């Protein structure tokens, strides 16, 4: 695993949005173990509130959320801060429509290292 470089003044702040509590907790622990700071929200609306109030550097959103989808949430966030990368995660067998508002897409069930590599790529190129 590639931990966050210790030379950074503060590790990147990642917002994870998902309505499955266990999956959200696992993502937070995984990202935290790599040195990232993590905020979580259980809905698109809650995620939008945190996004507006904090210097979020990357968003990970489940596609299937109650209320707004992850893609709808990403579209709103990109309108406010187009420079913030958005990673959509979905259990869908096919990529959902609207991914032009996302910077990355992962199917649920990918190994943890694939997830962490996608995060590092989106944050650091």
C-alpha atoms as a PDB file:
ATOM      1  CA  UNK A   1       0.000   0.000   0.000  1.00  0.00           C
ATOM      2  CA  UNK A   2       1.126   3.539  -0.696  1.00  0.00           C
ATOM      3  CA  UNK A   3       0.530   5.727   2.339  1.00  0.00           C
ATOM      4  CA  UNK A   4      -0.008   9.444   1.957  1.00  0.00           C
ATOM      5  CA  UNK A   5       3.375  11.231   1.824  1.00  0.00           C
ATOM      6  CA  UNK A   6       4.318  12.650   5.226  1.00  0.00           C
ATOM      7  CA  UNK A   7       5.732  15.769   3.561  1.00  0.00           C
ATOM      8  CA  UNK A   8       2.215  17.124   2.999  1.00  0.00           C
ATOM      9  CA  UNK A   9       1.178  19.824   5.467  1.00  0.00           C
ATOM     10  CA  UNK A  10      -2.154  18.059   5.917  1.00  0.00           C
ATOM     11  CA  UNK A  11      -3.307  14.844   4.313  1.00  0.00           C
ATOM     12  CA  UNK A  12      -6.067  15.173   1.691  1.00  0.00           C
ATOM     13  CA  UNK A  13      -9.637  15.404   2.983  1.00  0.00           C
ATOM     14  CA  UNK A  14     -11.918  12.857   1.310  1.00  0.00           C
ATOM     15  CA  UNK A  15     -15.711  12.840   1.505  1.00  0.00           C
ATOM     16  CA  UNK A  16     -17.352   9.405   1.319  1.00  0.00           C
ATOM     17  CA  UNK A  17     -21.081   9.258   0.628  1.00  0.00           C
ATOM     18  CA  UNK A  18     -23.089   6.062   0.975  1.00  0.00           C
ATOM     19  CA  UNK A  19     -26.237   4.822   2.649  1.00  0.00           C
ATOM     20  CA  UNK A  20     -24.829   1.404   3.606  1.00  0.00           C
ATOM     21  CA  UNK A  21     -23.397   2.087   7.059  1.00  0.00           C
ATOM     22  CA  UNK A  22     -20.992  -0.865   7.153  1.00  0.00           C
ATOM     23  CA  UNK A  23     -19.521  -0.130   3.703  1.00  0.00           C
ATOM     24  CA  UNK A  24     -19.105   3.529   4.632  1.00  0.00           C
ATOM     25  CA  UNK A  25     -17.334   2.591   7.857  1.00  0.00           C
ATOM     26  CA  UNK A  26     -15.010   0.194   5.993  1.00  0.00           C
ATOM     27  CA  UNK A  27     -14.071   2.898   3.453  1.00  0.00           C
ATOM     28  CA  UNK A  28     -13.372   5.360   6.244  1.00  0.00           C
ATOM     29  CA  UNK A  29     -11.135   2.872   8.077  1.00  0.00           C
ATOM     30  CA  UNK A  30      -9.317   1.870   4.887  1.00  0.00           C
ATOM     31  CA  UNK A  31      -8.662   5.460   3.808  1.00  0.00           C
ATOM     32  CA  UNK A  32      -7.752   6.484   7.368  1.00  0.00           C
ATOM     33  CA  UNK A  33      -5.224   3.648   7.572  1.00  0.00           C
ATOM     34  CA  UNK A  34      -3.542   5.163   4.498  1.00  0.00           C
ATOM     35  CA  UNK A  35      -3.274   8.557   6.198  1.00  0.00           C
ATOM     36  CA  UNK A  36      -6.209  10.328   4.551  1.00  0.00           C
ATOM     37  CA  UNK A  37      -8.651  12.457   6.510  1.00  0.00           C
ATOM     38  CA  UNK A  38     -12.215  11.280   5.889  1.00  0.00           C
ATOM     39  CA  UNK A  39     -15.688  12.730   6.345  1.00  0.00           C
ATOM     40  CA  UNK A  40     -18.762  10.577   5.755  1.00  0.00           C
ATOM     41  CA  UNK A  41     -22.368  11.264   4.826  1.00  0.00           C
ATOM     42  CA  UNK A  42     -25.260   8.829   4.482  1.00  0.00           C
ATOM     43  CA  UNK A  43     -27.066  10.796   1.757  1.00  0.00           C
ATOM     44  CA  UNK A  44     -26.391  13.082  -1.182  1.00  0.00           C
ATOM     45  CA  UNK A  45     -27.970  15.955   0.709  1.00  0.00           C
ATOM     46  CA  UNK A  46     -25.755  15.371   3.755  1.00  0.00           C
ATOM     47  CA  UNK A  47     -22.736  15.037   1.499  1.00  0.00           C
ATOM     48  CA  UNK A  48     -23.549  18.322  -0.230  1.00  0.00           C
ATOM     49  CA  UNK A  49     -23.700  20.100   3.127  1.00  0.00           C
ATOM     50  CA  UNK A  50     -20.258  18.761   4.131  1.00  0.00           C
ATOM     51  CA  UNK A  51     -18.900  19.548   0.651  1.00  0.00           C
ATOM     52  CA  UNK A  52     -19.921  23.184   0.985  1.00  0.00           C
ATOM     53  CA  UNK A  53     -18.545  23.518   4.527  1.00  0.00           C
ATOM     54  CA  UNK A  54     -15.152  21.790   4.194  1.00  0.00           C
ATOM     55  CA  UNK A  55     -12.092  21.889   1.914  1.00  0.00           C
ATOM     56  CA  UNK A  56     -12.905  18.528   0.315  1.00  0.00           C
ATOM     57  CA  UNK A  57     -10.219  17.316  -2.103  1.00  0.00           C
ATOM     58  CA  UNK A  58     -11.966  14.190  -3.422  1.00  0.00           C
ATOM     59  CA  UNK A  59     -15.452  12.673  -3.245  1.00  0.00           C
ATOM     60  CA  UNK A  60     -16.281   8.957  -3.254  1.00  0.00           C
ATOM     61  CA  UNK A  61     -20.020   8.417  -3.756  1.00  0.00           C
ATOM     62  CA  UNK A  62     -22.110   5.303  -4.076  1.00  0.00           C
ATOM     63  CA  UNK A  63     -24.271   5.549  -7.159  1.00  0.00           C
ATOM     64  CA  UNK A  64     -27.369   4.063  -5.549  1.00  0.00           C
ATOM     65  CA  UNK A  65     -28.388   6.338  -2.682  1.00  0.00           C
ATOM     66  CA  UNK A  66     -31.803   7.003  -1.239  1.00  0.00           C
ATOM     67  CA  UNK A  67     -32.952  10.336  -2.642  1.00  0.00           C
ATOM     68  CA  UNK A  68     -30.392  11.676  -5.134  1.00  0.00           C
ATOM     69  CA  UNK A  69     -28.061   9.258  -6.880  1.00  0.00           C
ATOM     70  CA  UNK A  70     -24.307   9.571  -6.543  1.00  0.00           C
ATOM     71  CA  UNK A  71     -24.118  10.888 -10.095  1.00  0.00           C
ATOM     72  CA  UNK A  72     -26.752  13.557  -9.399  1.00  0.00           C
ATOM     73  CA  UNK A  73     -24.790  14.562  -6.313  1.00  0.00           C
ATOM     74  CA  UNK A  74     -21.511  14.619  -8.277  1.00  0.00           C
ATOM     75  CA  UNK A  75     -23.094  16.829 -10.944  1.00  0.00           C
ATOM     76  CA  UNK A  76     -24.145  19.383  -8.295  1.00  0.00           C
ATOM     77  CA  UNK A  77     -20.720  19.276  -6.659  1.00  0.00           C
ATOM     78  CA  UNK A  78     -18.914  19.694 -10.003  1.00  0.00           C
ATOM     79  CA  UNK A  79     -21.051  22.768 -10.670  1.00  0.00           C
ATOM     80  CA  UNK A  80     -19.747  24.318  -7.421  1.00  0.00           C
ATOM     81  CA  UNK A  81     -16.138  23.084  -7.531  1.00  0.00           C
ATOM     82  CA  UNK A  82     -15.218  21.528 -10.888  1.00  0.00           C
ATOM     83  CA  UNK A  83     -11.637  20.879  -9.789  1.00  0.00           C
ATOM     84  CA  UNK A  84     -12.619  18.344  -7.102  1.00  0.00           C
ATOM     85  CA  UNK A  85     -12.360  14.772  -8.442  1.00  0.00           C
ATOM     86  CA  UNK A  86     -15.424  12.529  -8.093  1.00  0.00           C
ATOM     87  CA  UNK A  87     -15.237   8.727  -7.870  1.00  0.00           C
ATOM     88  CA  UNK A  88     -18.520   6.858  -8.326  1.00  0.00           C
ATOM     89  CA  UNK A  89     -18.811   3.357  -6.860  1.00  0.00           C
ATOM     90  CA  UNK A  90     -21.658   1.092  -7.914  1.00  0.00           C
ATOM     91  CA  UNK A  91     -22.934  -2.437  -7.568  1.00  0.00           C
ATOM     92  CA  UNK A  92     -24.626  -2.102 -10.969  1.00  0.00           C
ATOM     93  CA  UNK A  93     -23.561  -4.599 -13.601  1.00  0.00           C
ATOM     94  CA  UNK A  94     -23.270  -1.812 -16.193  1.00  0.00           C
ATOM     95  CA  UNK A  95     -21.831   1.656 -15.873  1.00  0.00           C
ATOM     96  CA  UNK A  96     -24.646   4.091 -15.079  1.00  0.00           C
ATOM     97  CA  UNK A  97     -25.563   7.019 -17.324  1.00  0.00           C
ATOM     98  CA  UNK A  98     -24.157  10.402 -16.331  1.00  0.00           C
ATOM     99  CA  UNK A  99     -20.572   9.355 -15.659  1.00  0.00           C
ATOM    100  CA  UNK A 100     -19.380  12.454 -17.520  1.00  0.00           C
ATOM    101  CA  UNK A 101     -19.762  14.193 -14.151  1.00  0.00           C
ATOM    102  CA  UNK A 102     -17.382  11.727 -12.519  1.00  0.00           C
ATOM    103  CA  UNK A 103     -13.618  11.457 -12.833  1.00  0.00           C
ATOM    104  CA  UNK A 104     -13.584   7.758 -12.086  1.00  0.00           C
ATOM    105  CA  UNK A 105     -15.822   4.717 -11.696  1.00  0.00           C
ATOM    106  CA  UNK A 106     -15.331   1.493  -9.759  1.00  0.00           C
ATOM    107  CA  UNK A 107     -17.561  -1.525  -9.422  1.00  0.00           C
ATOM    108  CA  UNK A 108     -18.212  -2.565  -5.834  1.00  0.00           C
ATOM    109  CA  UNK A 109     -16.284  -5.658  -4.920  1.00  0.00           C
ATOM    110  CA  UNK A 110     -12.973  -4.552  -6.400  1.00  0.00           C
ATOM    111  CA  UNK A 111      -9.988  -5.371  -4.167  1.00  0.00           C
ATOM    112  CA  UNK A 112      -9.026  -2.718  -1.599  1.00  0.00           C
ATOM    113  CA  UNK A 113      -5.780  -1.995  -3.434  1.00  0.00           C
ATOM    114  CA  UNK A 114      -7.656  -1.169  -6.651  1.00  0.00           C
ATOM    115  CA  UNK A 115      -9.784   1.301  -4.683  1.00  0.00           C
ATOM    116  CA  UNK A 116      -6.732   2.869  -3.024  1.00  0.00           C
ATOM    117  CA  UNK A 117      -4.873   3.088  -6.347  1.00  0.00           C
ATOM    118  CA  UNK A 118      -7.878   4.875  -7.904  1.00  0.00           C
ATOM    119  CA  UNK A 119      -7.923   7.356  -5.011  1.00  0.00           C
ATOM    120  CA  UNK A 120      -4.178   8.030  -5.315  1.00  0.00           C
ATOM    121  CA  UNK A 121      -4.476   8.456  -9.091  1.00  0.00           C
ATOM    122  CA  UNK A 122      -7.334  10.944  -8.791  1.00  0.00           C
ATOM    123  CA  UNK A 123      -5.537  12.955  -6.114  1.00  0.00           C
ATOM    124  CA  UNK A 124      -2.006  12.896  -7.482  1.00  0.00           C
ATOM    125  CA  UNK A 125      -2.325  12.052 -11.175  1.00  0.00           C
END
